[in-house]
C-alpha atoms as a PDB file:
ATOM      1  CA  MET A   1     105.191 115.682 115.862  1.00  0.00           C
ATOM      2  CA  ALA A   2     106.730 115.853 112.384  1.00  0.00           C
ATOM      3  CA  LYS A   3     108.832 113.057 111.026  1.00  0.00           C
ATOM      4  CA  THR A   4     112.539 113.583 111.491  1.00  0.00           C
ATOM      5  CA  GLU A   5     114.863 113.803 108.531  1.00  0.00           C
ATOM      6  CA  GLN A   6     116.597 110.643 109.736  1.00  0.00           C
ATOM      7  CA  PRO A   7     115.802 107.525 107.677  1.00  0.00           C
ATOM      8  CA  THR A   8     113.307 104.985 108.979  1.00  0.00           C
ATOM      9  CA  VAL A   9     114.528 101.380 109.302  1.00  0.00           C
ATOM     10  CA  LEU A  10     112.103  98.478 109.681  1.00  0.00           C
ATOM     11  CA  ILE A  11     113.407  95.416 111.548  1.00  0.00           C
ATOM     12  CA  VAL A  12     111.587  92.178 110.705  1.00  0.00           C
ATOM     13  CA  GLU A  13     112.836  89.537 113.145  1.00  0.00           C
ATOM     14  CA  ASP A  14     110.901  86.935 115.164  1.00  0.00           C
ATOM     15  CA  GLU A  15     113.591  86.447 117.842  1.00  0.00           C
ATOM     16  CA  PRO A  16     112.922  89.095 120.564  1.00  0.00           C
ATOM     17  CA  ALA A  17     116.550  89.253 121.743  1.00  0.00           C
ATOM     18  CA  GLN A  18     117.887  89.797 118.215  1.00  0.00           C
ATOM     19  CA  ARG A  19     115.177  92.338 117.502  1.00  0.00           C
ATOM     20  CA  GLU A  20     115.994  94.297 120.663  1.00  0.00           C
ATOM     21  CA  ILE A  21     119.746  94.366 119.916  1.00  0.00           C
ATOM     22  CA  LEU A  22     119.102  95.675 116.413  1.00  0.00           C
ATOM     23  CA  HIS A  23     116.575  98.221 117.674  1.00  0.00           C
ATOM     24  CA  TYR A  24     118.962  99.540 120.332  1.00  0.00           C
ATOM     25  CA  ASN A  25     121.915  99.891 117.966  1.00  0.00           C
ATOM     26  CA  LEU A  26     119.983 101.404 115.064  1.00  0.00           C
ATOM     27  CA  GLN A  27     118.318 103.900 117.396  1.00  0.00           C
ATOM     28  CA  ALA A  28     121.718 104.767 118.868  1.00  0.00           C
ATOM     29  CA  GLU A  29     122.834 105.619 115.313  1.00  0.00           C
ATOM     30  CA  GLY A  30     119.982 108.130 115.133  1.00  0.00           C
ATOM     31  CA  PHE A  31     117.610 106.162 112.913  1.00  0.00           C
ATOM     32  CA  GLU A  32     113.872 106.031 113.408  1.00  0.00           C
ATOM     33  CA  VAL A  33     113.165 102.323 114.035  1.00  0.00           C
ATOM     34  CA  LEU A  34     110.058 100.208 113.438  1.00  0.00           C
ATOM     35  CA  GLN A  35     109.720  96.548 114.462  1.00  0.00           C
ATOM     36  CA  ALA A  36     107.758  93.543 113.221  1.00  0.00           C
ATOM     37  CA  GLU A  37     107.922  89.992 114.556  1.00  0.00           C
ATOM     38  CA  ASN A  38     106.263  88.201 111.644  1.00  0.00           C
ATOM     39  CA  GLY A  39     105.645  88.542 107.940  1.00  0.00           C
ATOM     40  CA  ASP A  40     102.048  89.729 108.077  1.00  0.00           C
ATOM     41  CA  GLU A  41     102.915  92.497 110.530  1.00  0.00           C
ATOM     42  CA  ALA A  42     105.870  93.518 108.362  1.00  0.00           C
ATOM     43  CA  LEU A  43     103.748  93.866 105.219  1.00  0.00           C
ATOM     44  CA  LEU A  44     101.210  95.964 107.127  1.00  0.00           C
ATOM     45  CA  LEU A  45     103.917  98.250 108.553  1.00  0.00           C
ATOM     46  CA  VAL A  46     105.484  98.737 105.120  1.00  0.00           C
ATOM     47  CA  GLU A  47     102.100  99.749 103.714  1.00  0.00           C
ATOM     48  CA  GLU A  48     101.425 102.177 106.574  1.00  0.00           C
ATOM     49  CA  ASN A  49     104.905 103.662 107.087  1.00  0.00           C
ATOM     50  CA  ALA A  50     106.981 103.318 103.881  1.00  0.00           C
ATOM     51  CA  PRO A  51     110.377 102.694 105.569  1.00  0.00           C
ATOM     52  CA  ASP A  52     113.624 103.804 103.936  1.00  0.00           C
ATOM     53  CA  LEU A  53     115.301 100.412 104.541  1.00  0.00           C
ATOM     54  CA  ILE A  54     114.280  96.945 105.756  1.00  0.00           C
ATOM     55  CA  VAL A  55     116.398  94.502 107.776  1.00  0.00           C
ATOM     56  CA  LEU A  56     114.613  91.233 107.044  1.00  0.00           C
ATOM     57  CA  ASP A  57     115.076  87.787 108.592  1.00  0.00           C
ATOM     58  CA  TRP A  58     114.674  84.859 106.174  1.00  0.00           C
ATOM     59  CA  MET A  59     112.977  82.464 108.630  1.00  0.00           C
ATOM     60  CA  LEU A  60     109.724  84.013 109.867  1.00  0.00           C
ATOM     61  CA  PRO A  61     106.346  82.693 110.997  1.00  0.00           C
ATOM     62  CA  SER A  62     103.358  83.087 108.641  1.00  0.00           C
ATOM     63  CA  VAL A  63     105.148  84.616 105.641  1.00  0.00           C
ATOM     64  CA  SER A  64     108.848  83.915 105.003  1.00  0.00           C
ATOM     65  CA  GLY A  65     111.386  86.681 104.508  1.00  0.00           C
ATOM     66  CA  ILE A  66     112.015  85.471 100.957  1.00  0.00           C
ATOM     67  CA  GLU A  67     108.307  85.808 100.138  1.00  0.00           C
ATOM     68  CA  ILE A  68     108.129  89.275 101.724  1.00  0.00           C
ATOM     69  CA  CYS A  69     111.148  90.327  99.687  1.00  0.00           C
ATOM     70  CA  ARG A  70     109.603  88.969  96.488  1.00  0.00           C
ATOM     71  CA  ARG A  71     106.307  90.790  97.085  1.00  0.00           C
ATOM     72  CA  LEU A  72     107.929  94.128  97.936  1.00  0.00           C
ATOM     73  CA  LYS A  73     110.272  94.036  94.946  1.00  0.00           C
ATOM     74  CA  THR A  74     107.390  93.406  92.535  1.00  0.00           C
ATOM     75  CA  ARG A  75     105.400  96.441  93.754  1.00  0.00           C
ATOM     76  CA  PRO A  76     106.291  99.744  92.030  1.00  0.00           C
ATOM     77  CA  GLU A  77     105.831 101.707  95.276  1.00  0.00           C
ATOM     78  CA  THR A  78     108.241  99.532  97.314  1.00  0.00           C
ATOM     79  CA  ARG A  79     110.702  98.026  94.812  1.00  0.00           C
ATOM     80  CA  ALA A  80     113.282 100.772  95.457  1.00  0.00           C
ATOM     81  CA  VAL A  81     113.344 100.203  99.244  1.00  0.00           C
ATOM     82  CA  PRO A  82     116.688  98.513 100.110  1.00  0.00           C
ATOM     83  CA  ILE A  83     116.355  95.126 101.827  1.00  0.00           C
ATOM     84  CA  ILE A  84     119.147  93.537 103.861  1.00  0.00           C
ATOM     85  CA  MET A  85     118.405  89.836 104.309  1.00  0.00           C
ATOM     86  CA  LEU A  86     119.499  88.089 107.526  1.00  0.00           C
ATOM     87  CA  SER A  87     119.858  84.320 107.479  1.00  0.00           C
ATOM     88  CA  ALA A  88     121.593  81.406 109.159  1.00  0.00           C
ATOM     89  CA  ARG A  89     121.833  79.870 105.677  1.00  0.00           C
ATOM     90  CA  ALA A  90     125.464  80.341 104.674  1.00  0.00           C
ATOM     91  CA  GLU A  91     125.558  78.225 101.502  1.00  0.00           C
ATOM     92  CA  GLU A  92     126.251  79.982  98.232  1.00  0.00           C
ATOM     93  CA  VAL A  93     123.004  78.695  96.737  1.00  0.00           C
ATOM     94  CA  ASP A  94     121.033  80.391  99.548  1.00  0.00           C
ATOM     95  CA  ARG A  95     122.878  83.683  99.126  1.00  0.00           C
ATOM     96  CA  VAL A  96     122.197  83.585  95.403  1.00  0.00           C
ATOM     97  CA  ARG A  97     118.513  82.802  95.983  1.00  0.00           C
ATOM     98  CA  GLY A  98     118.186  85.707  98.423  1.00  0.00           C
ATOM     99  CA  LEU A  99     119.866  88.172  96.078  1.00  0.00           C
ATOM    100  CA  GLU A 100     117.976  86.932  93.015  1.00  0.00           C
ATOM    101  CA  THR A 101     114.699  87.375  94.896  1.00  0.00           C
ATOM    102  CA  GLY A 102     115.584  91.056  95.180  1.00  0.00           C
ATOM    103  CA  ALA A 103     117.537  91.489  98.418  1.00  0.00           C
ATOM    104  CA  ASP A 104     120.094  94.290  98.119  1.00  0.00           C
ATOM    105  CA  ASP A 105     122.460  92.651 100.617  1.00  0.00           C
ATOM    106  CA  TYR A 106     122.738  89.296 102.424  1.00  0.00           C
ATOM    107  CA  VAL A 107     124.164  88.896 105.944  1.00  0.00           C
ATOM    108  CA  VAL A 108     124.810  85.479 107.505  1.00  0.00           C
ATOM    109  CA  LYS A 109     123.994  84.819 111.182  1.00  0.00           C
ATOM    110  CA  PRO A 110     125.724  85.148 113.565  1.00  0.00           C
ATOM    111  CA  TYR A 111     126.793  88.574 112.359  1.00  0.00           C
ATOM    112  CA  SER A 112     128.716  91.567 113.673  1.00  0.00           C
ATOM    113  CA  VAL A 113     126.339  94.396 114.608  1.00  0.00           C
ATOM    114  CA  VAL A 114     129.040  96.916 113.667  1.00  0.00           C
ATOM    115  CA  GLU A 115     129.316  95.391 110.185  1.00  0.00           C
ATOM    116  CA  LEU A 116     125.533  95.292 109.783  1.00  0.00           C
ATOM    117  CA  LEU A 117     125.290  98.982 110.697  1.00  0.00           C
ATOM    118  CA  ALA A 118     127.958  99.744 108.087  1.00  0.00           C
ATOM    119  CA  ARG A 119     125.920  97.861 105.489  1.00  0.00           C
ATOM    120  CA  VAL A 120     122.790  99.789 106.506  1.00  0.00           C
ATOM    121  CA  ARG A 121     124.615 103.096 106.060  1.00  0.00           C
ATOM    122  CA  ALA A 122     126.034 101.948 102.709  1.00  0.00           C
ATOM    123  CA  GLN A 123     122.547 101.203 101.367  1.00  0.00           C
ATOM    124  CA  LEU A 124     121.143 104.477 102.706  1.00  0.00           C
ATOM    125  CA  ARG A 125     123.973 106.488 101.178  1.00  0.00           C
ATOM    126  CA  ARG A 126     122.583 105.315  97.857  1.00  0.00           C
ATOM    127  CA  THR A 127     118.914 106.022  98.576  1.00  0.00           C
ATOM    128  CA  ARG A 128     118.867 108.770 101.289  1.00  0.00           C
ATOM    129  CA  PRO A 129     122.187 110.622 100.927  1.00  0.00           C
ATOM    130  CA  ALA A 130     120.921 113.946 102.324  1.00  0.00           C
ATOM    131  CA  ALA A 131     119.726 112.277 105.526  1.00  0.00           C
ATOM    132  CA  LEU A 132     123.264 110.999 106.128  1.00  0.00           C
ATOM    133  CA  GLY A 133     124.803 114.453 105.817  1.00  0.00           C
ATOM    134  CA  GLN A 134     126.060 114.145 102.259  1.00  0.00           C
ATOM    135  CA  ARG A 135     126.421 117.005  99.792  1.00  0.00           C
ATOM    136  CA  LEU A 136     123.968 116.864  96.885  1.00  0.00           C
ATOM    137  CA  GLU A 137     124.261 118.574  93.503  1.00  0.00           C
ATOM    138  CA  PHE A 138     121.768 119.116  90.709  1.00  0.00           C
ATOM    139  CA  GLU A 139     122.761 121.338  87.799  1.00  0.00           C
ATOM    140  CA  ASP A 140     123.851 124.633  89.445  1.00  0.00           C
ATOM    141  CA  ILE A 141     122.226 123.853  92.827  1.00  0.00           C
ATOM    142  CA  VAL A 142     124.301 122.519  95.732  1.00  0.00           C
ATOM    143  CA  LEU A 143     122.712 121.343  98.983  1.00  0.00           C
ATOM    144  CA  ASP A 144     124.980 120.768 101.975  1.00  0.00           C
ATOM    145  CA  SER A 145     122.953 118.732 104.465  1.00  0.00           C
ATOM    146  CA  GLU A 146     125.619 118.943 107.154  1.00  0.00           C
ATOM    147  CA  THR A 147     125.706 122.749 107.297  1.00  0.00           C
ATOM    148  CA  HIS A 148     122.048 123.087 106.196  1.00  0.00           C
ATOM    149  CA  LYS A 149     122.999 125.492 103.402  1.00  0.00           C
ATOM    150  CA  VAL A 150     121.915 125.711  99.759  1.00  0.00           C
ATOM    151  CA  PHE A 151     123.836 127.444  96.983  1.00  0.00           C
ATOM    152  CA  ARG A 152     122.859 128.220  93.416  1.00  0.00           C
ATOM    153  CA  SER A 153     125.565 129.308  91.000  1.00  0.00           C
ATOM    154  CA  GLY A 154     127.763 129.852  94.055  1.00  0.00           C
ATOM    155  CA  LYS A 155     125.313 132.172  95.809  1.00  0.00           C
ATOM    156  CA  LEU A 156     123.875 131.291  99.224  1.00  0.00           C
ATOM    157  CA  LEU A 157     120.081 130.979  99.137  1.00  0.00           C
ATOM    158  CA  LYS A 158     117.682 131.732 101.971  1.00  0.00           C
ATOM    159  CA  LEU A 159     115.355 128.760 102.532  1.00  0.00           C
ATOM    160  CA  GLY A 160     112.957 127.989 105.358  1.00  0.00           C
ATOM    161  CA  PRO A 161     113.253 124.590 107.117  1.00  0.00           C
ATOM    162  CA  THR A 162     110.273 123.107 105.254  1.00  0.00           C
ATOM    163  CA  GLU A 163     111.596 124.292 101.885  1.00  0.00           C
ATOM    164  CA  PHE A 164     114.997 122.820 102.761  1.00  0.00           C
ATOM    165  CA  ARG A 165     113.414 119.413 103.480  1.00  0.00           C
ATOM    166  CA  LEU A 166     111.419 119.593 100.247  1.00  0.00           C
ATOM    167  CA  LEU A 167     114.539 120.371  98.238  1.00  0.00           C
ATOM    168  CA  SER A 168     116.468 117.562  99.988  1.00  0.00           C
ATOM    169  CA  THR A 169     113.733 115.124  99.004  1.00  0.00           C
ATOM    170  CA  PHE A 170     113.773 116.287  95.381  1.00  0.00           C
ATOM    171  CA  MET A 171     117.576 116.297  95.104  1.00  0.00           C
ATOM    172  CA  GLU A 172     117.922 112.760  96.454  1.00  0.00           C
ATOM    173  CA  LYS A 173     115.948 111.509  93.454  1.00  0.00           C
ATOM    174  CA  PRO A 174     116.054 114.030  90.583  1.00  0.00           C
ATOM    175  CA  GLY A 175     113.408 113.307  87.979  1.00  0.00           C
ATOM    176  CA  ARG A 176     111.196 111.292  90.303  1.00  0.00           C
ATOM    177  CA  VAL A 177     107.608 112.513  90.476  1.00  0.00           C
ATOM    178  CA  TRP A 178     106.390 112.929  94.072  1.00  0.00           C
ATOM    179  CA  SER A 179     102.671 113.110  94.791  1.00  0.00           C
ATOM    180  CA  ARG A 180     101.440 115.632  97.350  1.00  0.00           C
ATOM    181  CA  GLU A 181     100.635 112.780  99.750  1.00  0.00           C
ATOM    182  CA  GLN A 182     104.175 111.351  99.435  1.00  0.00           C
ATOM    183  CA  LEU A 183     105.681 114.767 100.094  1.00  0.00           C
ATOM    184  CA  LEU A 184     103.453 115.208 103.148  1.00  0.00           C
ATOM    185  CA  ASP A 185     104.687 111.874 104.539  1.00  0.00           C
ATOM    186  CA  ARG A 186     108.372 112.603 103.862  1.00  0.00           C
ATOM    187  CA  VAL A 187     108.534 116.293 104.784  1.00  0.00           C
ATOM    188  CA  TRP A 188     105.783 116.897 107.339  1.00  0.00           C
ATOM    189  CA  GLY A 189     105.388 113.380 108.777  1.00  0.00           C
ATOM    190  CA  ARG A 190     102.564 110.889 109.103  1.00  0.00           C
ATOM    191  CA  ASP A 191     101.647 111.812 112.674  1.00  0.00           C
ATOM    192  CA  ILE A 192     100.140 115.202 111.868  1.00  0.00           C
ATOM    193  CA  TYR A 193      97.321 116.361 109.617  1.00  0.00           C
ATOM    194  CA  VAL A 194      98.276 118.886 106.962  1.00  0.00           C
ATOM    195  CA  ASP A 195      96.075 119.769 103.991  1.00  0.00           C
ATOM    196  CA  THR A 196      97.576 118.794 100.628  1.00  0.00           C
ATOM    197  CA  ARG A 197      97.204 122.412  99.499  1.00  0.00           C
ATOM    198  CA  THR A 198      99.921 123.258 102.039  1.00  0.00           C
ATOM    199  CA  VAL A 199     102.349 121.393  99.779  1.00  0.00           C
ATOM    200  CA  ASP A 200     101.494 123.735  96.896  1.00  0.00           C
ATOM    201  CA  VAL A 201     102.128 126.778  99.108  1.00  0.00           C
ATOM    202  CA  HIS A 202     105.582 125.552 100.152  1.00  0.00           C
ATOM    203  CA  ILE A 203     106.460 124.479  96.592  1.00  0.00           C
ATOM    204  CA  GLY A 204     105.710 128.081  95.602  1.00  0.00           C
ATOM    205  CA  ARG A 205     108.033 129.343  98.347  1.00  0.00           C
ATOM    206  CA  LEU A 206     110.744 126.896  97.280  1.00  0.00           C
ATOM    207  CA  ARG A 207     110.493 128.060  93.670  1.00  0.00           C
ATOM    208  CA  LYS A 208     110.774 131.690  94.780  1.00  0.00           C
ATOM    209  CA  ALA A 209     113.813 130.897  96.955  1.00  0.00           C
ATOM    210  CA  LEU A 210     115.571 128.980  94.181  1.00  0.00           C
ATOM    211  CA  SER A 211     115.041 131.839  91.724  1.00  0.00           C
ATOM    212  CA  GLN A 212     115.931 134.725  94.056  1.00  0.00           C
ATOM    213  CA  TYR A 213     119.082 135.430  92.021  1.00  0.00           C
ATOM    214  CA  GLY A 214     117.655 134.439  88.663  1.00  0.00           C
ATOM    215  CA  GLY A 215     117.821 131.158  86.782  1.00  0.00           C
ATOM    216  CA  LYS A 216     115.048 128.929  85.469  1.00  0.00           C
ATOM    217  CA  ASP A 217     112.591 127.208  87.771  1.00  0.00           C
ATOM    218  CA  PRO A 218     113.938 123.644  88.257  1.00  0.00           C
ATOM    219  CA  VAL A 219     110.752 122.320  89.930  1.00  0.00           C
ATOM    220  CA  ARG A 220     108.389 120.725  87.440  1.00  0.00           C
ATOM    221  CA  THR A 221     104.639 120.387  87.979  1.00  0.00           C
ATOM    222  CA  VAL A 222     103.310 117.102  86.632  1.00  0.00           C
ATOM    223  CA  ARG A 223      99.614 117.551  86.022  1.00  0.00           C
ATOM    224  CA  GLY A 224      97.509 115.133  88.043  1.00  0.00           C
ATOM    225  CA  ALA A 225     100.590 113.510  89.608  1.00  0.00           C
ATOM    226  CA  GLY A 226     102.649 115.969  91.663  1.00  0.00           C
ATOM    227  CA  TYR A 227     106.080 117.566  91.450  1.00  0.00           C
ATOM    228  CA  ALA A 228     109.579 116.655  90.310  1.00  0.00           C
ATOM    229  CA  LEU A 229     113.015 118.239  90.135  1.00  0.00           C
ATOM    230  CA  GLY A 230     114.151 118.558  86.546  1.00  0.00           C
END
């Protein structure tokens, strides 16, 4: 089964009841949810699944949340993943330490689940806008994720579902170079085997679709690295 277009959220929480509440509510919002109960498991899941956002408890067995945050924010492949730190530590010095370690947001326990979900959506609007139904624009290309339509210079383009997901990925981060393996994970999913050459075939189809009414090819091939938009 291919990965859905919905963002993946990793919950790292050692209290089963808290973990279950978060899992239930995030899933109800339509997110794909992963769970870890300790630091070592969290680091392994991040390496295997590359989540779009992490909800991370400060106090964890084996490796603390602060240490996990520090490690992830020093790695080039994970530093852009938003981290929302959960903690019973309400002092200003603790908030500052959490944020200076790299956390993108800091939520004090006990917290409102509704507020936490709002903070999750706020972070994802910054990093995965297409997945949350937002309209994306790049030069003369407009992608409307809610209606699943793409326009170039005001003209409606015909794109297949795979090409639409590829373009969404590119338009969320213009200029970023995506390897074939990263595109396979994001567009096709990690649960199925697809040859990397399939990516090249669909990139070719995307280029053809984007240029069906003229205009330069906006998809750039980066030799030995992958593809980028612009």
